[in-house]
Amino acid sequence: MVTSKSLSTRGRTFVGVVISDKMTRTVTVQWEKRKYIPKYERYEKSRTKVKAHNPDEINAQKGDVVKIKETRPLSKTKNFIVTEIITKFGEENESS
């Protein structure tokens, strides 16, 4: 596991998929959550997208499953940092 030592983390932790890595040292991470609606006895799906700092030591690519943690505000929209890559894109199905 490669971590970034220069930024302290605090608060929330999420696991999501990198959907964009076009910005310099920044990735967009998305994850889905399901909410139960009792009136209709069904689930509603919703997505959350956040921008996260992508340190050079980690260098997450599009499609990777990553763990992100909350940190101090790094810019107007960046409040998270990628702490580790859980699964690289394309590696989970190579064994079959």
PDB file of N, CA and C in Angstrom:
ATOM      1  N   MET A   1       0.835  -1.175   0.000  1.00  0.00           N
ATOM      2  CA  MET A   1       0.000   0.000   0.000  1.00  0.00           C
ATOM      3  C   MET A   1       0.881   1.240   0.000  1.00  0.00           C
ATOM      4  N   VAL A   2       0.640   2.145  -0.940  1.00  0.00           N
ATOM      5  CA  VAL A   2       1.377   3.398  -1.029  1.00  0.00           C
ATOM      6  C   VAL A   2       0.493   4.503  -0.485  1.00  0.00           C
ATOM      7  N   THR A   3       1.022   5.285   0.447  1.00  0.00           N
ATOM      8  CA  THR A   3       0.244   6.375   1.014  1.00  0.00           C
ATOM      9  C   THR A   3       0.996   7.685   0.865  1.00  0.00           C
ATOM     10  N   SER A   4       0.270   8.775   1.013  1.00  0.00           N
ATOM     11  CA  SER A   4       0.877  10.089   0.942  1.00  0.00           C
ATOM     12  C   SER A   4       1.141  10.584   2.355  1.00  0.00           C
ATOM     13  N   LYS A   5       2.386  10.928   2.666  1.00  0.00           N
ATOM     14  CA  LYS A   5       2.763  11.343   4.018  1.00  0.00           C
ATOM     15  C   LYS A   5       2.592  12.842   4.238  1.00  0.00           C
ATOM     16  N   SER A   6       2.521  13.644   3.174  1.00  0.00           N
ATOM     17  CA  SER A   6       2.558  15.093   3.331  1.00  0.00           C
ATOM     18  C   SER A   6       1.224  15.699   3.792  1.00  0.00           C
ATOM     19  N   LEU A   7       0.090  15.031   3.575  1.00  0.00           N
ATOM     20  CA  LEU A   7      -1.213  15.579   3.952  1.00  0.00           C
ATOM     21  C   LEU A   7      -1.850  14.745   5.053  1.00  0.00           C
ATOM     22  N   SER A   8      -2.323  15.428   6.088  1.00  0.00           N
ATOM     23  CA  SER A   8      -3.017  14.705   7.142  1.00  0.00           C
ATOM     24  C   SER A   8      -4.463  14.484   6.726  1.00  0.00           C
ATOM     25  N   THR A   9      -5.008  13.337   7.106  1.00  0.00           N
ATOM     26  CA  THR A   9      -6.396  13.015   6.756  1.00  0.00           C
ATOM     27  C   THR A   9      -7.240  13.019   8.006  1.00  0.00           C
ATOM     28  N   ARG A  10      -8.541  13.236   7.809  1.00  0.00           N
ATOM     29  CA  ARG A  10      -9.489  13.247   8.913  1.00  0.00           C
ATOM     30  C   ARG A  10     -10.869  12.995   8.337  1.00  0.00           C
ATOM     31  N   GLY A  11     -11.809  12.647   9.169  1.00  0.00           N
ATOM     32  CA  GLY A  11     -13.192  12.573   8.705  1.00  0.00           C
ATOM     33  C   GLY A  11     -13.534  11.319   7.926  1.00  0.00           C
ATOM     34  N   ARG A  12     -14.280  11.508   6.843  1.00  0.00           N
ATOM     35  CA  ARG A  12     -14.915  10.407   6.130  1.00  0.00           C
ATOM     36  C   ARG A  12     -13.949   9.660   5.215  1.00  0.00           C
ATOM     37  N   THR A  13     -14.260   8.374   4.979  1.00  0.00           N
ATOM     38  CA  THR A  13     -13.501   7.515   4.072  1.00  0.00           C
ATOM     39  C   THR A  13     -14.487   6.844   3.126  1.00  0.00           C
ATOM     40  N   PHE A  14     -14.167   6.811   1.833  1.00  0.00           N
ATOM     41  CA  PHE A  14     -15.036   6.203   0.837  1.00  0.00           C
ATOM     42  C   PHE A  14     -14.226   5.328  -0.099  1.00  0.00           C
ATOM     43  N   VAL A  15     -14.916   4.379  -0.749  1.00  0.00           N
ATOM     44  CA  VAL A  15     -14.327   3.555  -1.792  1.00  0.00           C
ATOM     45  C   VAL A  15     -15.143   3.798  -3.055  1.00  0.00           C
ATOM     46  N   GLY A  16     -14.456   4.130  -4.154  1.00  0.00           N
ATOM     47  CA  GLY A  16     -15.160   4.428  -5.388  1.00  0.00           C
ATOM     48  C   GLY A  16     -14.305   4.140  -6.600  1.00  0.00           C
ATOM     49  N   VAL A  17     -14.856   4.417  -7.770  1.00  0.00           N
ATOM     50  CA  VAL A  17     -14.187   4.154  -9.050  1.00  0.00           C
ATOM     51  C   VAL A  17     -13.755   5.485  -9.659  1.00  0.00           C
ATOM     52  N   VAL A  18     -12.533   5.525 -10.178  1.00  0.00           N
ATOM     53  CA  VAL A  18     -12.044   6.716 -10.862  1.00  0.00           C
ATOM     54  C   VAL A  18     -12.726   6.787 -12.231  1.00  0.00           C
ATOM     55  N   ILE A  19     -13.445   7.877 -12.485  1.00  0.00           N
ATOM     56  CA  ILE A  19     -14.140   8.005 -13.763  1.00  0.00           C
ATOM     57  C   ILE A  19     -13.463   9.012 -14.684  1.00  0.00           C
ATOM     58  N   SER A  20     -12.540   9.815 -14.138  1.00  0.00           N
ATOM     59  CA  SER A  20     -11.805  10.768 -14.970  1.00  0.00           C
ATOM     60  C   SER A  20     -10.459  11.058 -14.330  1.00  0.00           C
ATOM     61  N   ASP A  21      -9.413  11.075 -15.160  1.00  0.00           N
ATOM     62  CA  ASP A  21      -8.080  11.438 -14.673  1.00  0.00           C
ATOM     63  C   ASP A  21      -7.420  12.454 -15.608  1.00  0.00           C
ATOM     64  N   LYS A  22      -8.218  13.313 -16.222  1.00  0.00           N
ATOM     65  CA  LYS A  22      -7.717  14.250 -17.219  1.00  0.00           C
ATOM     66  C   LYS A  22      -7.024  15.467 -16.602  1.00  0.00           C
ATOM     67  N   MET A  23      -7.279  15.743 -15.326  1.00  0.00           N
ATOM     68  CA  MET A  23      -6.674  16.898 -14.677  1.00  0.00           C
ATOM     69  C   MET A  23      -5.320  16.530 -14.078  1.00  0.00           C
ATOM     70  N   THR A  24      -4.465  17.505 -13.901  1.00  0.00           N
ATOM     71  CA  THR A  24      -3.146  17.271 -13.317  1.00  0.00           C
ATOM     72  C   THR A  24      -3.280  16.997 -11.829  1.00  0.00           C
ATOM     73  N   ARG A  25      -2.823  15.822 -11.387  1.00  0.00           N
ATOM     74  CA  ARG A  25      -2.841  15.388  -9.986  1.00  0.00           C
ATOM     75  C   ARG A  25      -4.236  15.427  -9.363  1.00  0.00           C
ATOM     76  N   THR A  26      -5.269  15.293 -10.177  1.00  0.00           N
ATOM     77  CA  THR A  26      -6.646  15.269  -9.682  1.00  0.00           C
ATOM     78  C   THR A  26      -7.424  14.191 -10.418  1.00  0.00           C
ATOM     79  N   VAL A  27      -8.245  13.444  -9.681  1.00  0.00           N
ATOM     80  CA  VAL A  27      -9.124  12.452 -10.289  1.00  0.00           C
ATOM     81  C   VAL A  27     -10.547  12.709  -9.805  1.00  0.00           C
ATOM     82  N   THR A  28     -11.511  12.278 -10.605  1.00  0.00           N
ATOM     83  CA  THR A  28     -12.908  12.325 -10.204  1.00  0.00           C
ATOM     84  C   THR A  28     -13.313  10.913  -9.813  1.00  0.00           C
ATOM     85  N   VAL A  29     -13.821  10.765  -8.589  1.00  0.00           N
ATOM     86  CA  VAL A  29     -14.186   9.454  -8.045  1.00  0.00           C
ATOM     87  C   VAL A  29     -15.698   9.421  -7.862  1.00  0.00           C
ATOM     88  N   GLN A  30     -16.304   8.289  -8.239  1.00  0.00           N
ATOM     89  CA  GLN A  30     -17.749   8.136  -8.146  1.00  0.00           C
ATOM     90  C   GLN A  30     -18.075   6.838  -7.442  1.00  0.00           C
ATOM     91  N   TRP A  31     -19.136   6.851  -6.637  1.00  0.00           N
ATOM     92  CA  TRP A  31     -19.637   5.622  -6.028  1.00  0.00           C
ATOM     93  C   TRP A  31     -21.152   5.696  -5.962  1.00  0.00           C
ATOM     94  N   GLU A  32     -21.787   4.520  -5.926  1.00  0.00           N
ATOM     95  CA  GLU A  32     -23.244   4.418  -5.870  1.00  0.00           C
ATOM     96  C   GLU A  32     -23.697   4.050  -4.475  1.00  0.00           C
ATOM     97  N   LYS A  33     -24.869   4.530  -4.122  1.00  0.00           N
ATOM     98  CA  LYS A  33     -25.490   4.115  -2.873  1.00  0.00           C
ATOM     99  C   LYS A  33     -26.961   3.842  -3.128  1.00  0.00           C
ATOM    100  N   ARG A  34     -27.520   2.931  -2.346  1.00  0.00           N
ATOM    101  CA  ARG A  34     -28.931   2.567  -2.488  1.00  0.00           C
ATOM    102  C   ARG A  34     -29.687   3.011  -1.253  1.00  0.00           C
ATOM    103  N   LYS A  35     -30.828   3.649  -1.486  1.00  0.00           N
ATOM    104  CA  LYS A  35     -31.668   4.128  -0.396  1.00  0.00           C
ATOM    105  C   LYS A  35     -33.025   3.463  -0.503  1.00  0.00           C
ATOM    106  N   TYR A  36     -33.515   2.911   0.586  1.00  0.00           N
ATOM    107  CA  TYR A  36     -34.799   2.221   0.599  1.00  0.00           C
ATOM    108  C   TYR A  36     -35.922   3.236   0.742  1.00  0.00           C
ATOM    109  N   ILE A  37     -36.936   3.127  -0.129  1.00  0.00           N
ATOM    110  CA  ILE A  37     -38.119   3.987  -0.089  1.00  0.00           C
ATOM    111  C   ILE A  37     -39.274   3.139   0.434  1.00  0.00           C
ATOM    112  N   PRO A  38     -39.690   3.315   1.694  1.00  0.00           N
ATOM    113  CA  PRO A  38     -40.712   2.439   2.288  1.00  0.00           C
ATOM    114  C   PRO A  38     -42.075   2.504   1.589  1.00  0.00           C
ATOM    115  N   LYS A  39     -42.461   3.672   1.107  1.00  0.00           N
ATOM    116  CA  LYS A  39     -43.773   3.813   0.483  1.00  0.00           C
ATOM    117  C   LYS A  39     -43.907   2.902  -0.728  1.00  0.00           C
ATOM    118  N   TYR A  40     -42.864   2.803  -1.533  1.00  0.00           N
ATOM    119  CA  TYR A  40     -42.909   1.994  -2.750  1.00  0.00           C
ATOM    120  C   TYR A  40     -42.252   0.630  -2.585  1.00  0.00           C
ATOM    121  N   GLU A  41     -41.677   0.368  -1.415  1.00  0.00           N
ATOM    122  CA  GLU A  41     -40.997  -0.895  -1.107  1.00  0.00           C
ATOM    123  C   GLU A  41     -39.949  -1.236  -2.163  1.00  0.00           C
ATOM    124  N   ARG A  42     -39.214  -0.218  -2.561  1.00  0.00           N
ATOM    125  CA  ARG A  42     -38.159  -0.375  -3.562  1.00  0.00           C
ATOM    126  C   ARG A  42     -36.942   0.450  -3.157  1.00  0.00           C
ATOM    127  N   TYR A  43     -35.874   0.222  -3.889  1.00  0.00           N
ATOM    128  CA  TYR A  43     -34.647   0.962  -3.632  1.00  0.00           C
ATOM    129  C   TYR A  43     -34.429   2.008  -4.710  1.00  0.00           C
ATOM    130  N   GLU A  44     -33.833   3.117  -4.301  1.00  0.00           N
ATOM    131  CA  GLU A  44     -33.483   4.176  -5.221  1.00  0.00           C
ATOM    132  C   GLU A  44     -31.952   4.243  -5.285  1.00  0.00           C
ATOM    133  N   LYS A  45     -31.409   4.281  -6.497  1.00  0.00           N
ATOM    134  CA  LYS A  45     -29.964   4.381  -6.657  1.00  0.00           C
ATOM    135  C   LYS A  45     -29.577   5.840  -6.848  1.00  0.00           C
ATOM    136  N   SER A  46     -28.497   6.231  -6.193  1.00  0.00           N
ATOM    137  CA  SER A  46     -27.978   7.569  -6.410  1.00  0.00           C
ATOM    138  C   SER A  46     -26.464   7.486  -6.482  1.00  0.00           C
ATOM    139  N   ARG A  47     -25.857   8.455  -7.158  1.00  0.00           N
ATOM    140  CA  ARG A  47     -24.415   8.470  -7.337  1.00  0.00           C
ATOM    141  C   ARG A  47     -23.833   9.716  -6.697  1.00  0.00           C
ATOM    142  N   THR A  48     -22.614   9.590  -6.204  1.00  0.00           N
ATOM    143  CA  THR A  48     -21.890  10.714  -5.647  1.00  0.00           C
ATOM    144  C   THR A  48     -20.577  10.848  -6.393  1.00  0.00           C
ATOM    145  N   LYS A  49     -20.265  12.068  -6.840  1.00  0.00           N
ATOM    146  CA  LYS A  49     -19.013  12.330  -7.532  1.00  0.00           C
ATOM    147  C   LYS A  49     -18.243  13.395  -6.766  1.00  0.00           C
ATOM    148  N   VAL A  50     -16.966  13.128  -6.494  1.00  0.00           N
ATOM    149  CA  VAL A  50     -16.105  14.111  -5.853  1.00  0.00           C
ATOM    150  C   VAL A  50     -14.765  14.143  -6.573  1.00  0.00           C
ATOM    151  N   LYS A  51     -14.084  15.260  -6.448  1.00  0.00           N
ATOM    152  CA  LYS A  51     -12.728  15.371  -6.971  1.00  0.00           C
ATOM    153  C   LYS A  51     -11.764  15.104  -5.829  1.00  0.00           C
ATOM    154  N   ALA A  52     -10.697  14.359  -6.134  1.00  0.00           N
ATOM    155  CA  ALA A  52      -9.724  13.983  -5.117  1.00  0.00           C
ATOM    156  C   ALA A  52      -8.319  14.219  -5.634  1.00  0.00           C
ATOM    157  N   HIS A  53      -7.422  14.564  -4.712  1.00  0.00           N
ATOM    158  CA  HIS A  53      -6.016  14.747  -5.060  1.00  0.00           C
ATOM    159  C   HIS A  53      -5.403  13.380  -5.343  1.00  0.00           C
ATOM    160  N   ASN A  54      -4.637  13.301  -6.429  1.00  0.00           N
ATOM    161  CA  ASN A  54      -4.013  12.055  -6.866  1.00  0.00           C
ATOM    162  C   ASN A  54      -2.489  12.229  -6.788  1.00  0.00           C
ATOM    163  N   PRO A  55      -1.857  11.831  -5.668  1.00  0.00           N
ATOM    164  CA  PRO A  55      -0.410  12.040  -5.530  1.00  0.00           C
ATOM    165  C   PRO A  55       0.375  11.269  -6.586  1.00  0.00           C
ATOM    166  N   ASP A  56       1.566  11.773  -6.908  1.00  0.00           N
ATOM    167  CA  ASP A  56       2.416  11.124  -7.903  1.00  0.00           C
ATOM    168  C   ASP A  56       2.811   9.710  -7.479  1.00  0.00           C
ATOM    169  N   GLU A  57       2.937   9.450  -6.172  1.00  0.00           N
ATOM    170  CA  GLU A  57       3.316   8.110  -5.695  1.00  0.00           C
ATOM    171  C   GLU A  57       2.220   7.087  -5.978  1.00  0.00           C
ATOM    172  N   ILE A  58       0.969   7.523  -5.991  1.00  0.00           N
ATOM    173  CA  ILE A  58      -0.150   6.597  -6.198  1.00  0.00           C
ATOM    174  C   ILE A  58      -0.543   6.553  -7.674  1.00  0.00           C
ATOM    175  N   ASN A  59      -0.762   7.690  -8.301  1.00  0.00           N
ATOM    176  CA  ASN A  59      -1.044   7.804  -9.728  1.00  0.00           C
ATOM    177  C   ASN A  59      -2.167   6.870 -10.187  1.00  0.00           C
ATOM    178  N   ALA A  60      -3.368   7.059  -9.642  1.00  0.00           N
ATOM    179  CA  ALA A  60      -4.534   6.257 -10.027  1.00  0.00           C
ATOM    180  C   ALA A  60      -4.958   6.613 -11.441  1.00  0.00           C
ATOM    181  N   GLN A  61      -5.377   5.600 -12.197  1.00  0.00           N
ATOM    182  CA  GLN A  61      -5.811   5.776 -13.580  1.00  0.00           C
ATOM    183  C   GLN A  61      -7.326   5.581 -13.673  1.00  0.00           C
ATOM    184  N   LYS A  62      -7.900   5.923 -14.815  1.00  0.00           N
ATOM    185  CA  LYS A  62      -9.331   5.764 -15.034  1.00  0.00           C
ATOM    186  C   LYS A  62      -9.714   4.291 -14.945  1.00  0.00           C
ATOM    187  N   GLY A  63     -10.769   3.985 -14.181  1.00  0.00           N
ATOM    188  CA  GLY A  63     -11.236   2.615 -14.022  1.00  0.00           C
ATOM    189  C   GLY A  63     -10.747   1.939 -12.754  1.00  0.00           C
ATOM    190  N   ASP A  64      -9.771   2.512 -12.064  1.00  0.00           N
ATOM    191  CA  ASP A  64      -9.249   1.916 -10.831  1.00  0.00           C
ATOM    192  C   ASP A  64     -10.250   2.086  -9.698  1.00  0.00           C
ATOM    193  N   VAL A  65     -10.303   1.103  -8.806  1.00  0.00           N
ATOM    194  CA  VAL A  65     -11.093   1.210  -7.581  1.00  0.00           C
ATOM    195  C   VAL A  65     -10.144   1.723  -6.503  1.00  0.00           C
ATOM    196  N   VAL A  66     -10.491   2.869  -5.897  1.00  0.00           N
ATOM    197  CA  VAL A  66      -9.587   3.524  -4.956  1.00  0.00           C
ATOM    198  C   VAL A  66     -10.280   3.816  -3.638  1.00  0.00           C
ATOM    199  N   LYS A  67      -9.465   4.005  -2.594  1.00  0.00           N
ATOM    200  CA  LYS A  67      -9.960   4.453  -1.302  1.00  0.00           C
ATOM    201  C   LYS A  67      -9.563   5.914  -1.153  1.00  0.00           C
ATOM    202  N   ILE A  68     -10.528   6.778  -0.799  1.00  0.00           N
ATOM    203  CA  ILE A  68     -10.237   8.192  -0.606  1.00  0.00           C
ATOM    204  C   ILE A  68     -10.589   8.599   0.815  1.00  0.00           C
ATOM    205  N   LYS A  69      -9.844   9.572   1.348  1.00  0.00           N
ATOM    206  CA  LYS A  69     -10.089  10.087   2.689  1.00  0.00           C
ATOM    207  C   LYS A  69     -10.228  11.599   2.629  1.00  0.00           C
ATOM    208  N   GLU A  70     -10.995  12.125   3.573  1.00  0.00           N
ATOM    209  CA  GLU A  70     -11.198  13.559   3.648  1.00  0.00           C
ATOM    210  C   GLU A  70      -9.956  14.230   4.216  1.00  0.00           C
ATOM    211  N   THR A  71      -9.656  15.416   3.728  1.00  0.00           N
ATOM    212  CA  THR A  71      -8.521  16.193   4.202  1.00  0.00           C
ATOM    213  C   THR A  71      -8.913  17.666   4.212  1.00  0.00           C
ATOM    214  N   ARG A  72      -7.974  18.535   4.497  1.00  0.00           N
ATOM    215  CA  ARG A  72      -8.271  19.978   4.463  1.00  0.00           C
ATOM    216  C   ARG A  72      -8.594  20.392   3.027  1.00  0.00           C
ATOM    217  N   PRO A  73      -9.292  21.504   2.824  1.00  0.00           N
ATOM    218  CA  PRO A  73      -9.576  21.939   1.449  1.00  0.00           C
ATOM    219  C   PRO A  73      -8.278  22.234   0.689  1.00  0.00           C
ATOM    220  N   LEU A  74      -8.128  21.571  -0.465  1.00  0.00           N
ATOM    221  CA  LEU A  74      -6.938  21.765  -1.285  1.00  0.00           C
ATOM    222  C   LEU A  74      -7.193  22.779  -2.393  1.00  0.00           C
ATOM    223  N   SER A  75      -8.449  22.956  -2.774  1.00  0.00           N
ATOM    224  CA  SER A  75      -8.851  23.957  -3.759  1.00  0.00           C
ATOM    225  C   SER A  75     -10.333  24.211  -3.549  1.00  0.00           C
ATOM    226  N   LYS A  76     -10.953  24.889  -4.495  1.00  0.00           N
ATOM    227  CA  LYS A  76     -12.374  25.195  -4.368  1.00  0.00           C
ATOM    228  C   LYS A  76     -13.222  23.942  -4.324  1.00  0.00           C
ATOM    229  N   THR A  77     -12.838  22.892  -5.061  1.00  0.00           N
ATOM    230  CA  THR A  77     -13.664  21.681  -5.146  1.00  0.00           C
ATOM    231  C   THR A  77     -12.989  20.434  -4.582  1.00  0.00           C
ATOM    232  N   LYS A  78     -11.698  20.477  -4.227  1.00  0.00           N
ATOM    233  CA  LYS A  78     -10.993  19.277  -3.756  1.00  0.00           C
ATOM    234  C   LYS A  78     -10.892  19.261  -2.239  1.00  0.00           C
ATOM    235  N   ASN A  79     -11.541  18.250  -1.613  1.00  0.00           N
ATOM    236  CA  ASN A  79     -11.459  18.049  -0.171  1.00  0.00           C
ATOM    237  C   ASN A  79     -11.051  16.627   0.185  1.00  0.00           C
ATOM    238  N   PHE A  80     -10.670  15.824  -0.810  1.00  0.00           N
ATOM    239  CA  PHE A  80     -10.323  14.427  -0.580  1.00  0.00           C
ATOM    240  C   PHE A  80      -8.960  14.130  -1.179  1.00  0.00           C
ATOM    241  N   ILE A  81      -8.351  13.031  -0.717  1.00  0.00           N
ATOM    242  CA  ILE A  81      -7.070  12.578  -1.251  1.00  0.00           C
ATOM    243  C   ILE A  81      -7.139  11.067  -1.451  1.00  0.00           C
ATOM    244  N   VAL A  82      -6.581  10.583  -2.549  1.00  0.00           N
ATOM    245  CA  VAL A  82      -6.525   9.139  -2.808  1.00  0.00           C
ATOM    246  C   VAL A  82      -5.450   8.557  -1.898  1.00  0.00           C
ATOM    247  N   THR A  83      -5.832   7.583  -1.057  1.00  0.00           N
ATOM    248  CA  THR A  83      -4.865   7.002  -0.130  1.00  0.00           C
ATOM    249  C   THR A  83      -4.334   5.657  -0.601  1.00  0.00           C
ATOM    250  N   GLU A  84      -5.126   4.903  -1.360  1.00  0.00           N
ATOM    251  CA  GLU A  84      -4.621   3.631  -1.884  1.00  0.00           C
ATOM    252  C   GLU A  84      -5.463   3.169  -3.063  1.00  0.00           C
ATOM    253  N   ILE A  85      -4.836   2.368  -3.911  1.00  0.00           N
ATOM    254  CA  ILE A  85      -5.536   1.732  -5.025  1.00  0.00           C
ATOM    255  C   ILE A  85      -5.904   0.328  -4.573  1.00  0.00           C
ATOM    256  N   ILE A  86      -7.192   0.028  -4.567  1.00  0.00           N
ATOM    257  CA  ILE A  86      -7.647  -1.298  -4.132  1.00  0.00           C
ATOM    258  C   ILE A  86      -7.527  -2.283  -5.285  1.00  0.00           C
ATOM    259  N   THR A  87      -8.012  -1.907  -6.468  1.00  0.00           N
ATOM    260  CA  THR A  87      -7.954  -2.768  -7.640  1.00  0.00           C
ATOM    261  C   THR A  87      -7.601  -1.930  -8.859  1.00  0.00           C
ATOM    262  N   LYS A  88      -6.582  -2.348  -9.588  1.00  0.00           N
ATOM    263  CA  LYS A  88      -6.247  -1.693 -10.841  1.00  0.00           C
ATOM    264  C   LYS A  88      -7.258  -2.095 -11.907  1.00  0.00           C
ATOM    265  N   PHE A  89      -7.510  -1.215 -12.880  1.00  0.00           N
ATOM    266  CA  PHE A  89      -8.452  -1.502 -13.946  1.00  0.00           C
ATOM    267  C   PHE A  89      -7.965  -2.681 -14.792  1.00  0.00           C
ATOM    268  N   GLY A  90      -8.818  -3.693 -14.950  1.00  0.00           N
ATOM    269  CA  GLY A  90      -8.480  -4.839 -15.780  1.00  0.00           C
ATOM    270  C   GLY A  90      -7.801  -5.971 -15.060  1.00  0.00           C
ATOM    271  N   GLU A  91      -7.426  -5.825 -13.802  1.00  0.00           N
ATOM    272  CA  GLU A  91      -6.705  -6.880 -13.086  1.00  0.00           C
ATOM    273  C   GLU A  91      -7.626  -7.904 -12.429  1.00  0.00           C
ATOM    274  N   GLU A  92      -8.891  -7.567 -12.151  1.00  0.00           N
ATOM    275  CA  GLU A  92      -9.745  -8.455 -11.399  1.00  0.00           C
ATOM    276  C   GLU A  92     -10.190  -9.676 -12.179  1.00  0.00           C
ATOM    277  N   ASN A  93     -10.177  -9.632 -13.520  1.00  0.00           N
ATOM    278  CA  ASN A  93     -10.662 -10.753 -14.323  1.00  0.00           C
ATOM    279  C   ASN A  93      -9.543 -11.534 -15.027  1.00  0.00           C
ATOM    280  N   GLU A  94      -8.292 -11.243 -14.717  1.00  0.00           N
ATOM    281  CA  GLU A  94      -7.187 -11.930 -15.392  1.00  0.00           C
ATOM    282  C   GLU A  94      -7.037 -13.380 -14.933  1.00  0.00           C
ATOM    283  N   SER A  95      -7.472 -13.712 -13.711  1.00  0.00           N
ATOM    284  CA  SER A  95      -7.275 -15.068 -13.202  1.00  0.00           C
ATOM    285  C   SER A  95      -8.221 -16.086 -13.849  1.00  0.00           C
ATOM    286  N   SER A  96      -9.365 -15.630 -14.396  1.00  0.00           N
ATOM    287  CA  SER A  96     -10.317 -16.585 -15.000  1.00  0.00           C
ATOM    288  C   SER A  96     -10.078 -16.794 -16.461  1.00  0.00           C
TER     289      SER A  96
END
